[in-house]
């Protein structure tokens, strides 16, 4: 999956820092079937952030969406993110 986040002005790094420091990103990376869960900063826009998620199969990615730490991601998005879009890359 390729996710694009448009952060609120100046909040891009805070979003990532929160998810890394509270263990949410590590929890996702430790999930069964997670191959990659990495954030990247846009060089062209200081408020754009990309997330690459790679899963062994779609079923395991769907199980991921039901994990308790997803609430942490949603809460951080409410605080720091204006908009996001996601697309599957195959």
N, C-alpha and C. Protein backbone atom coordinates (compact mmCIF):
# COMPACT_ATOMS: atom_id res chain seq x y z
N UNK A 1 0.84 -1.18 0.00
CA UNK A 1 0.00 0.00 0.00
C UNK A 1 0.88 1.23 0.00
N UNK A 2 0.40 2.25 -0.68
CA UNK A 2 1.09 3.53 -0.74
C UNK A 2 0.11 4.57 -0.20
N UNK A 3 0.49 5.18 0.93
CA UNK A 3 -0.38 6.16 1.58
C UNK A 3 0.30 7.52 1.50
N UNK A 4 -0.46 8.53 1.12
CA UNK A 4 0.03 9.90 1.10
C UNK A 4 -0.72 10.68 2.17
N UNK A 5 0.02 11.30 3.07
CA UNK A 5 -0.56 12.14 4.11
C UNK A 5 -0.22 13.60 3.83
N UNK A 6 -1.19 14.48 3.95
CA UNK A 6 -0.96 15.92 3.94
C UNK A 6 -1.13 16.37 5.38
N UNK A 7 -0.02 16.72 6.01
CA UNK A 7 -0.04 17.11 7.42
C UNK A 7 -0.51 18.55 7.56
N UNK A 8 -1.04 18.85 8.73
CA UNK A 8 -1.30 20.24 9.07
C UNK A 8 0.06 20.95 9.06
N UNK A 9 0.06 22.23 8.77
CA UNK A 9 1.31 22.96 8.60
C UNK A 9 2.28 22.73 9.77
N UNK A 10 3.48 22.25 9.43
CA UNK A 10 4.53 22.03 10.40
C UNK A 10 4.36 20.82 11.30
N UNK A 11 3.40 19.95 11.02
CA UNK A 11 3.09 18.83 11.91
C UNK A 11 3.55 17.48 11.38
N UNK A 12 4.16 17.45 10.21
CA UNK A 12 4.56 16.18 9.59
C UNK A 12 5.45 15.35 10.51
N UNK A 13 6.51 15.95 11.02
CA UNK A 13 7.46 15.21 11.85
C UNK A 13 6.83 14.80 13.18
N UNK A 14 5.95 15.63 13.72
CA UNK A 14 5.30 15.31 14.99
C UNK A 14 4.45 14.05 14.86
N UNK A 15 3.77 13.89 13.73
CA UNK A 15 2.97 12.70 13.48
C UNK A 15 3.83 11.44 13.56
N UNK A 16 4.93 11.44 12.82
CA UNK A 16 5.82 10.28 12.81
C UNK A 16 6.45 10.07 14.19
N UNK A 17 6.92 11.15 14.81
CA UNK A 17 7.54 11.03 16.14
C UNK A 17 6.60 10.40 17.15
N UNK A 18 5.32 10.80 17.12
CA UNK A 18 4.36 10.23 18.07
C UNK A 18 4.19 8.73 17.86
N UNK A 19 4.02 8.32 16.61
CA UNK A 19 3.80 6.90 16.32
C UNK A 19 5.04 6.05 16.60
N UNK A 20 6.22 6.63 16.42
CA UNK A 20 7.45 5.92 16.74
C UNK A 20 7.67 5.87 18.25
N UNK A 21 7.47 7.00 18.94
CA UNK A 21 7.80 7.05 20.38
C UNK A 21 6.80 6.28 21.25
N UNK A 22 5.53 6.18 20.82
CA UNK A 22 4.56 5.46 21.65
C UNK A 22 4.48 3.97 21.32
N UNK A 23 5.34 3.51 20.40
CA UNK A 23 5.42 2.09 20.09
C UNK A 23 4.44 1.60 19.04
N UNK A 24 3.63 2.49 18.50
CA UNK A 24 2.63 2.07 17.51
C UNK A 24 3.28 1.54 16.24
N UNK A 25 4.25 2.26 15.71
CA UNK A 25 4.91 1.80 14.48
C UNK A 25 5.60 0.46 14.70
N UNK A 26 6.25 0.31 15.84
CA UNK A 26 6.91 -0.96 16.16
C UNK A 26 5.90 -2.09 16.28
N UNK A 27 4.73 -1.80 16.85
CA UNK A 27 3.68 -2.82 16.98
C UNK A 27 3.19 -3.27 15.61
N UNK A 28 3.04 -2.33 14.69
CA UNK A 28 2.62 -2.69 13.33
C UNK A 28 3.71 -3.55 12.68
N UNK A 29 4.96 -3.13 12.80
CA UNK A 29 6.06 -3.87 12.18
C UNK A 29 6.18 -5.29 12.73
N UNK A 30 5.75 -5.49 13.97
CA UNK A 30 5.83 -6.81 14.60
C UNK A 30 4.65 -7.71 14.27
N UNK A 31 3.64 -7.16 13.61
CA UNK A 31 2.46 -7.97 13.27
C UNK A 31 2.82 -9.09 12.30
N UNK A 32 2.11 -10.20 12.46
CA UNK A 32 2.27 -11.33 11.56
C UNK A 32 1.93 -10.89 10.14
N UNK A 33 2.86 -11.08 9.24
CA UNK A 33 2.61 -10.76 7.84
C UNK A 33 3.11 -9.41 7.39
N UNK A 34 3.55 -8.57 8.31
CA UNK A 34 4.07 -7.26 7.93
C UNK A 34 5.50 -7.41 7.40
N UNK A 35 5.69 -6.99 6.18
CA UNK A 35 7.02 -7.03 5.56
C UNK A 35 7.68 -5.65 5.68
N UNK A 36 6.90 -4.59 5.47
CA UNK A 36 7.44 -3.24 5.51
C UNK A 36 6.36 -2.27 6.01
N UNK A 37 6.79 -1.36 6.87
CA UNK A 37 5.92 -0.28 7.34
C UNK A 37 6.85 0.90 7.60
N UNK A 38 7.05 1.75 6.58
CA UNK A 38 8.05 2.81 6.65
C UNK A 38 7.47 4.14 6.19
N UNK A 39 7.84 5.19 6.93
CA UNK A 39 7.47 6.56 6.58
C UNK A 39 8.61 7.24 5.84
N UNK A 40 8.25 8.09 4.87
CA UNK A 40 9.22 8.86 4.10
C UNK A 40 8.69 10.29 3.95
N UNK A 41 9.61 11.24 4.03
CA UNK A 41 9.25 12.65 3.88
C UNK A 41 9.41 13.08 2.42
N UNK A 42 8.46 13.87 1.93
CA UNK A 42 8.57 14.45 0.61
C UNK A 42 9.65 15.53 0.60
N UNK A 43 10.49 15.52 -0.41
CA UNK A 43 11.49 16.57 -0.58
C UNK A 43 10.86 17.81 -1.22
N UNK A 44 9.72 17.64 -1.86
CA UNK A 44 9.08 18.74 -2.59
C UNK A 44 8.08 19.54 -1.75
N UNK A 45 7.55 18.94 -0.69
CA UNK A 45 6.52 19.60 0.12
C UNK A 45 6.76 19.28 1.59
N UNK A 46 7.02 20.29 2.39
CA UNK A 46 7.38 20.10 3.80
C UNK A 46 6.24 19.55 4.66
N UNK A 47 5.04 19.46 4.11
CA UNK A 47 3.91 18.94 4.87
C UNK A 47 3.39 17.61 4.34
N UNK A 48 4.09 17.02 3.39
CA UNK A 48 3.66 15.74 2.80
C UNK A 48 4.55 14.61 3.31
N UNK A 49 3.89 13.51 3.61
CA UNK A 49 4.51 12.33 4.18
C UNK A 49 3.97 11.12 3.43
N UNK A 50 4.83 10.15 3.17
CA UNK A 50 4.42 8.93 2.50
C UNK A 50 4.62 7.74 3.43
N UNK A 51 3.73 6.78 3.34
CA UNK A 51 3.85 5.53 4.08
C UNK A 51 3.80 4.39 3.08
N UNK A 52 4.79 3.52 3.16
CA UNK A 52 4.78 2.30 2.36
C UNK A 52 4.52 1.14 3.31
N UNK A 53 3.44 0.42 3.04
CA UNK A 53 3.11 -0.79 3.80
C UNK A 53 3.18 -1.96 2.84
N UNK A 54 3.83 -3.01 3.27
CA UNK A 54 3.89 -4.23 2.47
C UNK A 54 3.52 -5.39 3.37
N UNK A 55 2.59 -6.22 2.90
CA UNK A 55 2.06 -7.34 3.67
C UNK A 55 2.20 -8.62 2.87
N UNK A 56 2.34 -9.74 3.57
CA UNK A 56 2.44 -11.04 2.91
C UNK A 56 1.22 -11.33 2.04
N UNK A 57 0.05 -10.91 2.52
CA UNK A 57 -1.17 -11.11 1.77
C UNK A 57 -2.24 -10.12 2.26
N UNK A 58 -3.26 -9.96 1.46
CA UNK A 58 -4.32 -9.01 1.80
C UNK A 58 -5.04 -9.40 3.09
N UNK A 59 -5.19 -10.67 3.34
CA UNK A 59 -5.86 -11.13 4.56
C UNK A 59 -5.13 -10.63 5.81
N UNK A 60 -3.81 -10.69 5.82
CA UNK A 60 -3.05 -10.24 6.98
C UNK A 60 -3.12 -8.72 7.12
N UNK A 61 -3.18 -8.01 6.01
CA UNK A 61 -3.35 -6.56 6.08
C UNK A 61 -4.72 -6.21 6.65
N UNK A 62 -5.73 -6.97 6.31
CA UNK A 62 -7.07 -6.74 6.84
C UNK A 62 -7.13 -7.02 8.34
N UNK A 63 -6.43 -8.05 8.79
CA UNK A 63 -6.35 -8.34 10.23
C UNK A 63 -5.67 -7.17 10.94
N UNK A 64 -4.65 -6.60 10.32
CA UNK A 64 -3.95 -5.44 10.87
C UNK A 64 -4.93 -4.31 11.21
N UNK A 65 -5.92 -4.09 10.36
CA UNK A 65 -6.87 -2.99 10.56
C UNK A 65 -7.72 -3.16 11.81
N UNK A 66 -7.79 -4.36 12.36
CA UNK A 66 -8.56 -4.62 13.56
C UNK A 66 -7.73 -4.62 14.85
N UNK A 67 -6.45 -4.32 14.74
CA UNK A 67 -5.58 -4.34 15.92
C UNK A 67 -5.83 -3.12 16.81
N UNK A 68 -5.63 -3.27 18.13
CA UNK A 68 -5.88 -2.15 19.06
C UNK A 68 -5.03 -0.92 18.79
N UNK A 69 -3.81 -1.08 18.29
CA UNK A 69 -2.96 0.09 18.06
C UNK A 69 -3.42 0.94 16.88
N UNK A 70 -4.38 0.48 16.11
CA UNK A 70 -4.95 1.31 15.04
C UNK A 70 -5.61 2.56 15.63
N UNK A 71 -6.13 2.45 16.85
CA UNK A 71 -6.72 3.62 17.52
C UNK A 71 -5.67 4.71 17.72
N UNK A 72 -4.42 4.33 17.99
CA UNK A 72 -3.35 5.33 18.14
C UNK A 72 -3.08 6.05 16.83
N UNK A 73 -3.13 5.33 15.73
CA UNK A 73 -2.91 5.93 14.41
C UNK A 73 -4.04 6.91 14.11
N UNK A 74 -5.27 6.51 14.37
CA UNK A 74 -6.41 7.39 14.12
C UNK A 74 -6.33 8.65 14.97
N UNK A 75 -5.96 8.51 16.23
CA UNK A 75 -5.85 9.68 17.12
C UNK A 75 -4.76 10.63 16.64
N UNK A 76 -3.62 10.09 16.20
CA UNK A 76 -2.54 10.93 15.69
C UNK A 76 -2.96 11.62 14.39
N UNK A 77 -3.69 10.91 13.54
CA UNK A 77 -4.17 11.53 12.31
C UNK A 77 -5.08 12.72 12.62
N UNK A 78 -5.95 12.57 13.60
CA UNK A 78 -6.84 13.68 13.96
C UNK A 78 -6.06 14.90 14.41
N UNK A 79 -4.97 14.69 15.13
CA UNK A 79 -4.17 15.81 15.65
C UNK A 79 -3.31 16.46 14.58
N UNK A 80 -2.72 15.67 13.69
CA UNK A 80 -1.65 16.17 12.84
C UNK A 80 -1.91 16.17 11.34
N UNK A 81 -2.93 15.46 10.87
CA UNK A 81 -3.11 15.24 9.44
C UNK A 81 -4.37 15.94 8.92
N UNK A 82 -4.22 16.65 7.80
CA UNK A 82 -5.36 17.29 7.14
C UNK A 82 -6.10 16.33 6.23
N UNK A 83 -5.33 15.54 5.48
CA UNK A 83 -5.94 14.69 4.46
C UNK A 83 -5.01 13.50 4.19
N UNK A 84 -5.58 12.43 3.73
CA UNK A 84 -4.77 11.27 3.34
C UNK A 84 -5.46 10.52 2.22
N UNK A 85 -4.66 9.82 1.45
CA UNK A 85 -5.19 8.96 0.40
C UNK A 85 -4.35 7.69 0.37
N UNK A 86 -4.97 6.61 -0.08
CA UNK A 86 -4.29 5.33 -0.10
C UNK A 86 -4.58 4.63 -1.42
N UNK A 87 -3.57 3.93 -1.90
CA UNK A 87 -3.80 3.10 -3.08
C UNK A 87 -2.96 1.85 -2.99
N UNK A 88 -3.48 0.82 -3.55
CA UNK A 88 -2.76 -0.45 -3.58
C UNK A 88 -1.83 -0.44 -4.78
N UNK A 89 -0.63 -0.91 -4.57
CA UNK A 89 0.35 -1.03 -5.62
C UNK A 89 0.66 -2.51 -5.76
N UNK A 90 0.48 -3.02 -6.93
CA UNK A 90 0.69 -4.46 -7.15
C UNK A 90 1.75 -4.68 -8.19
